[in-house]
Amino acid sequence: MRSMLKAGAVSAVALASLWAAAGARAEDKPDTGVPEESIAQELPYDAARASLAAAGIRYGINYTGEYYNVASGGVSRSLTYNGLVEGYVDLDLERLFGWKGAAIHANAFYVHGIGPTTNTGSAFAVSNLEGLEALRLDELWLEQSLLDDKLKFRFGSIAADTEFFISDTSAVFFNGTFGWAGILATNMVQGGPSYPLTSMGASVAYTPNDNLTILAGIFNGSPANPDAADPQKSNRHGVDFRFGDGALLLVEGAFKYDVGLPGTVKVGGWRQFDAPDGIYFNFRTKEPVSQDSGLYAIVDQQIWKNGDNQSVSIFGRVSGSPENHSLMDMYFDTGILFSGFVPGRSKDVFGAAFGYGQISSDALRYAPDEIDFSRTFESVLELNYTAHIRPGITLQPDFQYFWNPGAVQEVGHAAVFGARARISY
């Protein structure tokens, strides 16, 4: 699940400590409707939730809170808190109404607090959960499965970052660029259909066998008014179901393999069509253009394994866009995860990741005066540890260091310390 529930790191830590000291594990029940990572795994058997699951209704509530301290550099030094509360529901329409292969997914969240990125001045968001304080509908889509679930269609309000350009290995990291990469957030209209905004669209996934998946999606070209100074304010509650802003096409192919150790290779691309006037222009000719595009590739690979718990995995992603009308023309990130290396803590994970985004040389040379890039790149290093306290409870200390935040000379390299607590029900 892309978003999480958060509302106060202090409260979350207190709840986590209390829960770690209490409660015996509930007996395993078939089809209880409880996710594997949920505090409900250790609560008394919930007959009502199990009954709903049997009828085709599953739900969850998540809570996450995080603190950050911009210790040096950036725009300003500050300690900030931001949080998010999320609820979701999944409806199996075959169980409910006999509609074979159909399902509905919906989730909504409440973001509150102040995110740390305002203090770093970075293009890469420090937290993948920060946003404008608001109660917001996120995704709302209908899915139809065919051919024994090998072919799946979705239509509705969709977040592209839940389907495209995903590295499973990078999911533990906080910085937004390790999810919806900075080159997409920079070059797509209003950041593209990614957290905390979605776009009306349709997607199709074809999985002819266990190794190959082909994805394609077409979305309204902007998740909010393309002319809005702040897209989150423009589409504050996520119910501005827009059409007519051009089109955004994404296509991706993924191949899974296992040659002793498992891995996945993905290749894809995107193209923005008929963008509204004033969004893109050719830096060299100073003339408006109506489109932008990009290509990308992803590798996830396990490189070492010892028994069922210990492993080392790596990831790498690279993407490029045309330099003559893209603010960021090249991007890559890479990282490594060490799982199960702390004695007695088989689920704990330590990770390190690095991301780099290059400002287009044409933007540096020919951009208008209001676009002031004094440096040629922004990059970030993140160190992260995930401690699994109990089922559904994690604590994650985090450190990030930014070089050239925002790619402007007057903003100093920034060091950020943070911690996140998450509870899932």
Protein backbone atom coordinates (compact mmCIF):
# COMPACT_ATOMS: atom_id res chain seq x y z
CA MET A 1 0.00 0.00 0.00
CA ARG A 2 1.35 3.27 -1.05
CA SER A 3 0.19 5.62 1.77
CA MET A 4 0.14 5.08 5.52
CA LEU A 5 -1.58 6.25 8.65
CA LYS A 6 0.23 8.66 10.85
CA ALA A 7 -0.64 11.13 13.51
CA GLY A 8 2.03 11.70 16.09
CA ALA A 9 5.37 10.07 16.48
CA VAL A 10 5.25 10.42 20.26
CA SER A 11 1.85 8.75 20.47
CA ALA A 12 2.92 6.10 18.00
CA VAL A 13 6.04 5.25 19.98
CA ALA A 14 3.99 5.04 23.17
CA LEU A 15 1.43 2.77 21.55
CA ALA A 16 4.16 0.62 20.07
CA SER A 17 5.84 0.23 23.46
CA LEU A 18 2.59 -0.67 25.19
CA TRP A 19 1.70 -3.16 22.53
CA ALA A 20 5.15 -4.74 22.57
CA ALA A 21 4.68 -5.44 26.27
CA ALA A 22 1.14 -6.73 26.08
CA GLY A 23 -1.13 -9.19 24.45
CA ALA A 24 -0.78 -12.82 23.52
CA ARG A 25 -0.93 -13.90 19.89
CA ALA A 26 -4.44 -14.71 18.75
CA GLU A 27 -5.06 -18.10 17.25
CA ASP A 28 -4.68 -18.19 13.46
CA LYS A 29 -8.08 -18.10 11.80
CA PRO A 30 -8.83 -18.84 8.16
CA ASP A 31 -9.86 -15.81 6.10
CA THR A 32 -10.10 -13.42 9.04
CA GLY A 33 -9.82 -10.38 6.78
CA VAL A 34 -6.76 -9.26 8.74
CA PRO A 35 -3.62 -8.27 6.75
CA GLU A 36 -0.42 -10.11 7.62
CA GLU A 37 1.17 -6.92 8.97
CA SER A 38 -1.56 -5.72 11.32
CA ILE A 39 -1.89 -5.30 15.06
CA ALA A 40 -5.17 -7.19 14.68
CA GLN A 41 -3.08 -10.36 14.27
CA GLU A 42 -2.58 -10.26 18.05
CA LEU A 43 -6.01 -8.97 19.02
CA PRO A 44 -8.90 -11.27 19.93
CA TYR A 45 -10.63 -12.88 16.99
CA ASP A 46 -12.88 -10.34 15.26
CA ALA A 47 -15.93 -12.23 14.06
CA ALA A 48 -17.42 -9.15 12.38
CA ARG A 49 -14.28 -8.48 10.32
CA ALA A 50 -14.04 -12.15 9.34
CA SER A 51 -17.70 -12.15 8.34
CA LEU A 52 -17.20 -9.09 6.16
CA ALA A 53 -14.14 -10.70 4.54
CA ALA A 54 -16.12 -13.82 3.77
CA ALA A 55 -18.75 -11.62 2.11
CA GLY A 56 -16.06 -9.87 0.03
CA ILE A 57 -15.42 -6.71 2.07
CA ARG A 58 -11.94 -6.02 3.41
CA TYR A 59 -10.78 -2.85 5.10
CA GLY A 60 -7.87 -1.39 7.00
CA ILE A 61 -6.78 1.66 8.94
CA ASN A 62 -3.19 2.84 9.15
CA TYR A 63 -1.45 5.44 11.28
CA THR A 64 1.99 6.95 10.75
CA GLY A 65 3.76 9.82 12.43
CA GLU A 66 7.22 11.20 11.74
CA TYR A 67 9.59 13.84 13.04
CA TYR A 68 12.44 15.43 11.13
CA ASN A 69 15.27 17.73 12.12
CA VAL A 70 17.05 19.73 9.41
CA ALA A 71 20.31 19.85 11.32
CA SER A 72 22.41 21.78 8.80
CA GLY A 73 22.18 23.47 5.42
CA GLY A 74 18.98 23.85 3.46
CA VAL A 75 16.77 26.92 3.69
CA SER A 76 16.40 26.88 7.47
CA ARG A 77 17.06 24.74 10.56
CA SER A 78 13.88 23.31 12.00
CA LEU A 79 12.23 20.40 13.79
CA THR A 80 8.99 19.39 12.05
CA TYR A 81 6.22 16.86 12.49
CA ASN A 82 3.85 15.55 9.86
CA GLY A 83 1.38 12.73 9.96
CA LEU A 84 -1.15 10.84 7.91
CA VAL A 85 -4.22 8.77 8.73
CA GLU A 86 -5.53 6.46 6.05
CA GLY A 87 -8.47 4.13 5.61
CA TYR A 88 -9.11 1.78 2.71
CA VAL A 89 -11.73 -0.71 1.58
CA ASP A 90 -11.63 -3.45 -1.07
CA LEU A 91 -14.85 -4.94 -2.41
CA ASP A 92 -14.93 -8.33 -4.14
CA LEU A 93 -17.96 -7.86 -6.40
CA GLU A 94 -18.05 -11.54 -7.30
CA ARG A 95 -18.66 -12.49 -3.67
CA LEU A 96 -21.01 -9.57 -3.09
CA PHE A 97 -23.12 -9.67 -6.26
CA GLY A 98 -21.88 -12.52 -8.40
CA TRP A 99 -20.04 -10.19 -10.82
CA LYS A 100 -17.21 -12.52 -11.80
CA GLY A 101 -13.71 -11.02 -11.71
CA ALA A 102 -14.80 -7.53 -10.62
CA ALA A 103 -13.50 -5.52 -7.66
CA ILE A 104 -13.60 -1.96 -6.31
CA HIS A 105 -10.82 -0.29 -4.36
CA ALA A 106 -11.11 3.01 -2.49
CA ASN A 107 -8.90 4.77 0.02
CA ALA A 108 -8.80 8.19 1.64
CA PHE A 109 -6.39 9.91 3.99
CA TYR A 110 -5.91 12.92 6.20
CA VAL A 111 -2.54 14.67 5.98
CA HIS A 112 -1.55 17.07 8.73
CA GLY A 113 1.50 18.83 10.09
CA ILE A 114 4.35 20.48 8.24
CA GLY A 115 6.67 18.49 6.00
CA PRO A 116 10.45 18.93 6.20
CA THR A 117 11.01 19.70 2.50
CA THR A 118 10.07 23.36 2.98
CA ASN A 119 13.19 23.63 5.16
CA THR A 120 15.59 21.77 2.86
CA GLY A 121 14.48 23.49 -0.36
CA SER A 122 15.10 20.23 -2.20
CA ALA A 123 13.37 19.01 -5.36
CA PHE A 124 13.44 15.48 -3.93
CA ALA A 125 10.84 15.43 -1.14
CA VAL A 126 12.35 14.38 2.20
CA SER A 127 9.20 12.42 3.08
CA ASN A 128 7.03 10.44 0.70
CA LEU A 129 4.06 11.18 2.97
CA GLU A 130 4.13 14.95 3.40
CA GLY A 131 1.54 17.12 1.73
CA LEU A 132 -0.94 19.94 2.13
CA GLU A 133 -3.06 19.48 5.26
CA ALA A 134 -6.38 18.14 4.00
CA LEU A 135 -8.81 15.26 4.04
CA ARG A 136 -8.40 13.74 0.60
CA LEU A 137 -9.87 10.95 -1.49
CA ASP A 138 -6.99 9.05 -3.02
CA GLU A 139 -7.77 6.16 -5.36
CA LEU A 140 -11.24 5.04 -6.42
CA TRP A 141 -11.30 2.49 -9.19
CA LEU A 142 -13.14 -0.50 -10.62
CA GLU A 143 -11.09 -3.52 -11.74
CA GLN A 144 -12.23 -6.27 -14.08
CA SER A 145 -10.20 -9.49 -14.36
CA LEU A 146 -10.42 -11.82 -17.34
CA LEU A 147 -8.66 -14.93 -18.65
CA ASP A 148 -8.21 -16.47 -15.20
CA ASP A 149 -6.82 -13.20 -13.84
CA LYS A 150 -4.16 -12.95 -16.55
CA LEU A 151 -5.77 -9.78 -17.94
CA LYS A 152 -6.87 -6.94 -15.65
CA PHE A 153 -8.50 -3.61 -16.54
CA ARG A 154 -8.85 -0.65 -14.16
CA PHE A 155 -10.84 2.53 -14.59
CA GLY A 156 -11.30 5.45 -12.25
CA SER A 157 -9.17 7.77 -10.15
CA ILE A 158 -5.77 6.05 -10.24
CA ALA A 159 -2.32 6.79 -8.83
CA ALA A 160 0.25 5.89 -11.46
CA ASP A 161 2.95 5.49 -8.81
CA THR A 162 1.21 2.36 -7.48
CA GLU A 163 1.69 0.61 -10.85
CA PHE A 164 4.55 2.19 -12.81
CA PHE A 165 8.26 2.89 -12.19
CA ILE A 166 8.22 0.80 -9.00
CA SER A 167 11.21 -0.88 -7.39
CA ASP A 168 10.08 -3.28 -4.66
CA THR A 169 13.51 -3.08 -3.04
CA SER A 170 13.36 0.70 -2.61
CA ALA A 171 10.00 0.69 -0.80
CA VAL A 172 11.55 1.02 2.68
CA PHE A 173 13.05 4.45 1.98
CA PHE A 174 11.37 7.72 3.00
CA ASN A 175 12.56 10.13 0.33
CA GLY A 176 9.93 10.60 -2.35
CA THR A 177 12.39 10.19 -5.20
CA PHE A 178 12.84 6.50 -4.38
CA GLY A 179 9.17 6.04 -5.22
CA TRP A 180 7.89 8.39 -7.92
CA ALA A 181 11.30 9.42 -9.19
CA GLY A 182 12.27 13.09 -9.16
CA ILE A 183 12.56 13.23 -12.94
CA LEU A 184 8.87 12.29 -13.30
CA ALA A 185 7.70 14.65 -10.57
CA THR A 186 9.71 17.46 -12.18
CA ASN A 187 8.82 16.93 -15.84
CA MET A 188 5.18 15.79 -15.74
CA VAL A 189 2.35 18.32 -15.58
CA GLN A 190 1.69 19.20 -11.91
CA GLY A 191 3.92 16.31 -10.87
CA GLY A 192 1.87 13.62 -12.58
CA PRO A 193 -0.70 11.25 -11.03
CA SER A 194 1.27 10.39 -7.91
CA TYR A 195 0.84 10.83 -4.16
CA PRO A 196 -0.90 12.88 -2.93
CA LEU A 197 -2.83 13.41 -6.21
CA THR A 198 -4.45 10.99 -8.63
CA SER A 199 -5.83 11.35 -12.15
CA MET A 200 -8.80 9.93 -13.97
CA GLY A 201 -7.59 7.17 -16.21
CA ALA A 202 -7.55 3.54 -17.24
CA SER A 203 -4.86 0.87 -17.09
CA VAL A 204 -4.44 -2.68 -18.32
CA ALA A 205 -2.10 -5.40 -17.05
CA TYR A 206 -1.46 -8.60 -18.97
CA THR A 207 0.40 -11.45 -17.24
CA PRO A 208 0.56 -14.42 -19.63
CA ASN A 209 2.80 -16.38 -17.24
CA ASP A 210 4.53 -16.08 -13.88
CA ASN A 211 7.53 -14.29 -15.39
CA LEU A 212 6.14 -11.63 -17.70
CA THR A 213 3.83 -8.65 -17.09
CA ILE A 214 2.94 -5.91 -19.57
CA LEU A 215 1.37 -2.69 -18.24
CA ALA A 216 -0.17 0.26 -20.02
CA GLY A 217 -2.06 3.24 -18.67
CA ILE A 218 -3.70 6.35 -20.10
CA PHE A 219 -4.48 9.24 -17.74
CA ASN A 220 -5.88 12.73 -17.88
CA GLY A 221 -2.84 14.87 -18.54
CA SER A 222 -2.90 16.70 -15.19
CA PRO A 223 -4.08 15.66 -11.70
CA ALA A 224 -5.15 19.26 -10.99
CA ASN A 225 -5.72 22.51 -12.84
CA PRO A 226 -2.58 22.83 -15.02
CA ASP A 227 -2.51 26.59 -14.40
CA ALA A 228 -2.74 26.35 -10.60
CA ALA A 229 0.20 27.66 -8.61
CA ASP A 230 -0.32 24.87 -6.06
CA PRO A 231 -1.91 21.68 -7.46
CA GLN A 232 -2.71 20.34 -3.99
CA LYS A 233 -4.72 23.46 -3.17
CA SER A 234 -6.42 23.30 -6.55
CA ASN A 235 -7.53 19.69 -6.01
CA ARG A 236 -7.62 19.91 -2.24
CA HIS A 237 -9.94 16.98 -1.49
CA GLY A 238 -9.12 14.71 -4.43
CA VAL A 239 -12.58 14.94 -5.97
CA ASP A 240 -11.74 17.19 -8.92
CA PHE A 241 -12.22 14.40 -11.46
CA ARG A 242 -10.73 16.23 -14.43
CA PHE A 243 -10.81 15.43 -18.13
CA GLY A 244 -9.59 17.41 -21.12
CA ASP A 245 -6.04 18.31 -20.03
CA GLY A 246 -4.38 16.31 -22.77
CA ALA A 247 -3.27 12.75 -22.11
CA LEU A 248 -0.47 10.99 -20.28
CA LEU A 249 0.52 7.53 -21.58
CA LEU A 250 2.69 5.09 -19.61
CA VAL A 251 3.85 1.69 -20.83
CA GLU A 252 6.00 -0.85 -18.96
CA GLY A 253 7.18 -4.42 -19.33
CA ALA A 254 8.45 -6.48 -16.37
CA PHE A 255 10.31 -9.80 -16.48
CA LYS A 256 10.91 -11.91 -13.36
CA TYR A 257 13.63 -14.55 -13.32
CA ASP A 258 15.37 -16.89 -10.89
CA VAL A 259 18.87 -18.02 -11.72
CA GLY A 260 19.76 -19.20 -8.26
CA LEU A 261 18.59 -15.90 -6.78
CA PRO A 262 15.44 -14.02 -7.85
CA GLY A 263 15.39 -10.75 -9.74
CA THR A 264 13.19 -8.48 -11.87
CA VAL A 265 13.96 -6.28 -14.87
CA LYS A 266 11.54 -3.57 -16.02
CA VAL A 267 11.67 -1.23 -19.00
CA GLY A 268 9.14 1.49 -19.73
CA GLY A 269 8.37 4.93 -20.98
CA TRP A 270 5.91 7.79 -20.81
CA ARG A 271 4.66 10.52 -23.09
CA GLN A 272 2.63 13.62 -22.33
CA PHE A 273 0.33 14.64 -25.20
CA ASP A 274 -1.40 17.98 -25.88
CA ALA A 275 -0.18 19.69 -22.72
CA PRO A 276 -1.85 23.06 -22.09
CA ASP A 277 -0.06 26.15 -23.40
CA GLY A 278 2.73 27.43 -21.21
CA ILE A 279 3.61 24.09 -19.58
CA TYR A 280 6.48 23.10 -21.87
CA PHE A 281 8.65 25.12 -24.20
CA ASN A 282 11.79 24.56 -26.23
CA PHE A 283 14.67 26.12 -24.30
CA ARG A 284 16.64 26.71 -27.48
CA THR A 285 13.96 28.28 -29.66
CA LYS A 286 11.95 29.84 -26.81
CA GLU A 287 8.80 28.44 -28.44
CA PRO A 288 6.08 26.49 -26.63
CA VAL A 289 5.76 22.74 -27.21
CA SER A 290 2.83 20.53 -26.34
CA GLN A 291 4.55 17.34 -25.19
CA ASP A 292 7.31 15.75 -23.15
CA SER A 293 8.44 12.16 -22.74
CA GLY A 294 10.86 9.82 -21.03
CA LEU A 295 12.27 6.30 -20.93
CA TYR A 296 13.31 4.26 -17.90
CA ALA A 297 14.73 0.92 -16.77
CA ILE A 298 14.68 -0.81 -13.37
CA VAL A 299 16.55 -3.77 -11.88
CA ASP A 300 15.75 -5.47 -8.55
CA GLN A 301 18.13 -8.28 -7.64
CA GLN A 302 18.78 -10.45 -4.61
CA ILE A 303 22.55 -11.00 -4.49
CA TRP A 304 22.96 -13.13 -1.35
CA LYS A 305 20.78 -15.38 0.78
CA ASN A 306 21.36 -17.43 3.92
CA GLY A 307 18.45 -19.57 5.05
CA ASP A 308 14.95 -18.13 5.20
CA ASN A 309 15.75 -14.82 6.92
CA GLN A 310 19.10 -13.35 5.93
CA SER A 311 19.50 -11.75 2.51
CA VAL A 312 21.10 -8.89 0.62
CA SER A 313 19.23 -7.18 -2.23
CA ILE A 314 20.06 -4.29 -4.54
CA PHE A 315 18.12 -2.06 -6.92
CA GLY A 316 18.90 0.41 -9.66
CA ARG A 317 16.78 2.73 -11.78
CA VAL A 318 17.71 5.05 -14.62
CA SER A 319 15.58 7.47 -16.67
CA GLY A 320 16.08 10.10 -19.35
CA SER A 321 14.03 12.86 -21.01
CA PRO A 322 14.74 15.24 -23.93
CA GLU A 323 17.13 17.98 -22.79
CA ASN A 324 15.73 20.70 -25.02
CA HIS A 325 12.36 20.91 -23.21
CA SER A 326 12.74 18.96 -19.94
CA LEU A 327 13.98 20.63 -16.76
CA MET A 328 15.57 17.35 -15.63
CA ASP A 329 16.98 15.25 -18.45
CA MET A 330 18.73 12.41 -16.59
CA TYR A 331 18.12 10.55 -13.35
CA PHE A 332 19.38 7.46 -11.60
CA ASP A 333 19.13 5.88 -8.19
CA THR A 334 20.53 2.79 -6.56
CA GLY A 335 20.46 1.12 -3.18
CA ILE A 336 21.10 -1.95 -1.07
CA LEU A 337 19.15 -3.74 1.69
CA PHE A 338 20.47 -6.04 4.41
CA SER A 339 17.70 -8.16 5.94
CA GLY A 340 17.83 -10.27 9.10
CA PHE A 341 21.39 -9.46 10.16
CA VAL A 342 20.58 -8.41 13.74
CA PRO A 343 20.49 -11.49 16.02
CA GLY A 344 16.97 -12.24 17.16
CA ARG A 345 15.42 -9.72 14.75
CA SER A 346 14.87 -11.67 11.55
CA LYS A 347 12.52 -9.11 9.96
CA ASP A 348 14.62 -5.99 10.57
CA VAL A 349 16.15 -4.30 7.53
CA PHE A 350 19.00 -1.82 7.07
CA GLY A 351 19.15 0.08 3.81
CA ALA A 352 21.24 2.66 2.00
CA ALA A 353 20.16 4.46 -1.18
CA PHE A 354 21.46 7.23 -3.43
CA GLY A 355 19.52 9.30 -5.96
CA TYR A 356 20.81 11.78 -8.57
CA GLY A 357 18.90 14.14 -10.86
CA GLN A 358 20.64 16.17 -13.55
CA ILE A 359 19.32 19.54 -14.69
CA SER A 360 19.12 19.77 -18.46
CA SER A 361 22.08 21.57 -20.01
CA ASP A 362 19.64 23.42 -22.28
CA ALA A 363 17.68 24.59 -19.24
CA LEU A 364 20.92 25.87 -17.70
CA ARG A 365 21.87 27.77 -20.85
CA TYR A 366 18.58 28.96 -22.28
CA ALA A 367 15.96 28.97 -19.53
CA PRO A 368 14.20 32.29 -18.84
CA ASP A 369 15.38 34.45 -15.98
CA GLU A 370 12.69 33.25 -13.55
CA ILE A 371 14.20 29.73 -13.68
CA ASP A 372 17.50 30.05 -11.84
CA PHE A 373 19.52 26.85 -11.73
CA SER A 374 23.03 27.70 -10.58
CA ARG A 375 24.09 24.08 -10.17
CA THR A 376 23.81 21.17 -12.54
CA PHE A 377 22.29 18.51 -10.26
CA GLU A 378 20.63 17.55 -7.00
CA SER A 379 21.43 14.32 -5.18
CA VAL A 380 20.49 12.60 -1.93
CA LEU A 381 21.90 9.82 0.24
CA GLU A 382 19.53 8.02 2.63
CA LEU A 383 20.35 5.57 5.44
CA ASN A 384 17.38 3.79 6.96
CA TYR A 385 16.68 1.08 9.52
CA THR A 386 13.33 -0.68 9.83
CA ALA A 387 12.62 -2.32 13.18
CA HIS A 388 9.60 -4.65 13.24
CA ILE A 389 8.34 -4.35 16.80
CA ARG A 390 5.23 -6.54 16.51
CA PRO A 391 2.94 -7.45 13.60
CA GLY A 392 1.69 -4.13 12.23
CA ILE A 393 4.13 -1.94 14.22
CA THR A 394 7.40 -0.59 12.83
CA LEU A 395 9.87 2.06 13.96
CA GLN A 396 12.30 3.56 11.45
CA PRO A 397 15.17 5.94 12.26
CA ASP A 398 16.38 7.71 9.13
CA PHE A 399 19.18 9.98 7.90
CA GLN A 400 19.34 11.92 4.63
CA TYR A 401 22.01 14.15 3.16
CA PHE A 402 21.32 16.44 0.19
CA TRP A 403 23.84 17.89 -2.20
CA ASN A 404 22.66 21.05 -4.01
CA PRO A 405 19.06 21.12 -2.72
CA GLY A 406 16.87 22.52 -5.47
CA ALA A 407 19.98 22.86 -7.66
CA VAL A 408 20.44 26.48 -6.62
CA GLN A 409 23.69 27.96 -5.36
CA GLU A 410 22.36 29.84 -2.33
CA VAL A 411 20.92 26.72 -0.64
CA GLY A 412 23.56 24.80 1.29
CA HIS A 413 23.97 21.04 1.39
CA ALA A 414 21.48 19.73 3.95
CA ALA A 415 21.62 17.05 6.65
CA VAL A 416 18.30 15.70 7.91
CA PHE A 417 17.63 13.31 10.79
CA GLY A 418 14.21 11.71 11.13
CA ALA A 419 12.16 8.89 12.62
CA ARG A 420 8.88 7.30 11.60
CA ALA A 421 6.46 5.16 13.59
CA ARG A 422 3.75 3.18 11.86
CA ILE A 423 0.80 1.21 13.15
CA SER A 424 -1.43 -0.80 10.82
CA TYR A 425 -4.78 -2.26 11.78
